Amino acid sequence: MLDKGGEFESHKERRKSRSRRLGNLERAYAHLMVIKRFRYYVLMFWVKRSFLCNIVSGYTF
């Protein structure tokens, strides 16, 4: 491959850029999993809270 200066890029440099791209993909995927997990915890919090509120209000009245 030719780099910006017109010289040939070494195999090692190509592998490094490929692994960097893979690292960015892995980081993005991990970030997505964190967001999904956070959304799950928030959803479970609201479900449990409403369930407990229904039980408590059912026993109080």
C-alpha atoms as a PDB file:
ATOM      1  CA  MET A   1       0.000   0.000   0.000  1.00  0.00           C
ATOM      2  CA  LEU A   2       1.140   3.554  -0.657  1.00  0.00           C
ATOM      3  CA  ASP A   3       1.110   5.979   2.211  1.00  0.00           C
ATOM      4  CA  LYS A   4       0.689   9.782   1.932  1.00  0.00           C
ATOM      5  CA  GLY A   5       4.326  10.386   1.012  1.00  0.00           C
ATOM      6  CA  GLY A   6       4.133   7.952  -1.894  1.00  0.00           C
ATOM      7  CA  GLU A   7       6.321   5.386  -0.144  1.00  0.00           C
ATOM      8  CA  PHE A   8       5.269   1.828   0.408  1.00  0.00           C
ATOM      9  CA  GLU A   9       3.741   1.094   3.781  1.00  0.00           C
ATOM     10  CA  SER A  10       5.344  -1.793   5.627  1.00  0.00           C
ATOM     11  CA  HIS A  11       3.407  -4.920   6.500  1.00  0.00           C
ATOM     12  CA  LYS A  12       3.856  -4.203  10.208  1.00  0.00           C
ATOM     13  CA  GLU A  13       2.304  -0.731   9.896  1.00  0.00           C
ATOM     14  CA  ARG A  14      -0.648  -2.162   7.991  1.00  0.00           C
ATOM     15  CA  ARG A  15      -1.206  -4.762  10.687  1.00  0.00           C
ATOM     16  CA  LYS A  16      -0.974  -2.055  13.362  1.00  0.00           C
ATOM     17  CA  SER A  17      -3.658   0.071  11.683  1.00  0.00           C
ATOM     18  CA  ARG A  18      -5.870  -2.994  11.263  1.00  0.00           C
ATOM     19  CA  SER A  19      -5.504  -3.911  14.942  1.00  0.00           C
ATOM     20  CA  ARG A  20      -6.192  -0.295  15.902  1.00  0.00           C
ATOM     21  CA  ARG A  21      -9.385  -0.406  13.858  1.00  0.00           C
ATOM     22  CA  LEU A  22     -10.338  -3.684  15.555  1.00  0.00           C
ATOM     23  CA  GLY A  23      -9.591  -2.099  18.934  1.00  0.00           C
ATOM     24  CA  ASN A  24     -11.907   0.790  18.118  1.00  0.00           C
ATOM     25  CA  LEU A  25     -14.637  -1.653  17.103  1.00  0.00           C
ATOM     26  CA  GLU A  26     -14.191  -3.603  20.324  1.00  0.00           C
ATOM     27  CA  ARG A  27     -14.322  -0.386  22.332  1.00  0.00           C
ATOM     28  CA  ALA A  28     -17.501   0.700  20.546  1.00  0.00           C
ATOM     29  CA  TYR A  29     -19.076  -2.724  21.124  1.00  0.00           C
ATOM     30  CA  ALA A  30     -18.150  -2.624  24.815  1.00  0.00           C
ATOM     31  CA  HIS A  31     -19.659   0.854  25.082  1.00  0.00           C
ATOM     32  CA  LEU A  32     -22.856  -0.421  23.456  1.00  0.00           C
ATOM     33  CA  MET A  33     -23.019  -3.300  25.947  1.00  0.00           C
ATOM     34  CA  VAL A  34     -22.582  -0.863  28.851  1.00  0.00           C
ATOM     35  CA  ILE A  35     -25.468   1.249  27.542  1.00  0.00           C
ATOM     36  CA  LYS A  36     -27.687  -1.824  27.068  1.00  0.00           C
ATOM     37  CA  ARG A  37     -26.852  -3.091  30.562  1.00  0.00           C
ATOM     38  CA  PHE A  38     -27.595   0.332  32.049  1.00  0.00           C
ATOM     39  CA  ARG A  39     -30.960   0.447  30.242  1.00  0.00           C
ATOM     40  CA  TYR A  40     -31.759  -3.042  31.555  1.00  0.00           C
ATOM     41  CA  TYR A  41     -30.948  -2.031  35.133  1.00  0.00           C
ATOM     42  CA  VAL A  42     -33.089   1.111  34.866  1.00  0.00           C
ATOM     43  CA  LEU A  43     -35.972  -0.910  33.434  1.00  0.00           C
ATOM     44  CA  MET A  44     -35.690  -3.522  36.191  1.00  0.00           C
ATOM     45  CA  PHE A  45     -35.562  -0.771  38.811  1.00  0.00           C
ATOM     46  CA  TRP A  46     -38.833   0.727  37.531  1.00  0.00           C
ATOM     47  CA  VAL A  47     -40.529  -2.682  37.261  1.00  0.00           C
ATOM     48  CA  LYS A  48     -39.519  -3.693  40.788  1.00  0.00           C
ATOM     49  CA  ARG A  49     -40.428  -0.287  42.168  1.00  0.00           C
ATOM     50  CA  SER A  50     -43.905  -0.319  40.643  1.00  0.00           C
ATOM     51  CA  PHE A  51     -44.395  -3.925  41.779  1.00  0.00           C
ATOM     52  CA  LEU A  52     -43.384  -3.067  45.354  1.00  0.00           C
ATOM     53  CA  CYS A  53     -45.543   0.060  45.342  1.00  0.00           C
ATOM     54  CA  ASN A  54     -48.534  -2.029  44.255  1.00  0.00           C
ATOM     55  CA  ILE A  55     -47.933  -4.536  47.057  1.00  0.00           C
ATOM     56  CA  VAL A  56     -47.484  -1.818  49.677  1.00  0.00           C
ATOM     57  CA  SER A  57     -50.524   0.145  48.519  1.00  0.00           C
ATOM     58  CA  GLY A  58     -52.559  -3.088  48.387  1.00  0.00           C
ATOM     59  CA  TYR A  59     -51.766  -3.853  52.021  1.00  0.00           C
ATOM     60  CA  THR A  60     -52.288  -0.305  53.252  1.00  0.00           C
ATOM     61  CA  PHE A  61     -55.782   0.209  51.900  1.00  0.00           C
END
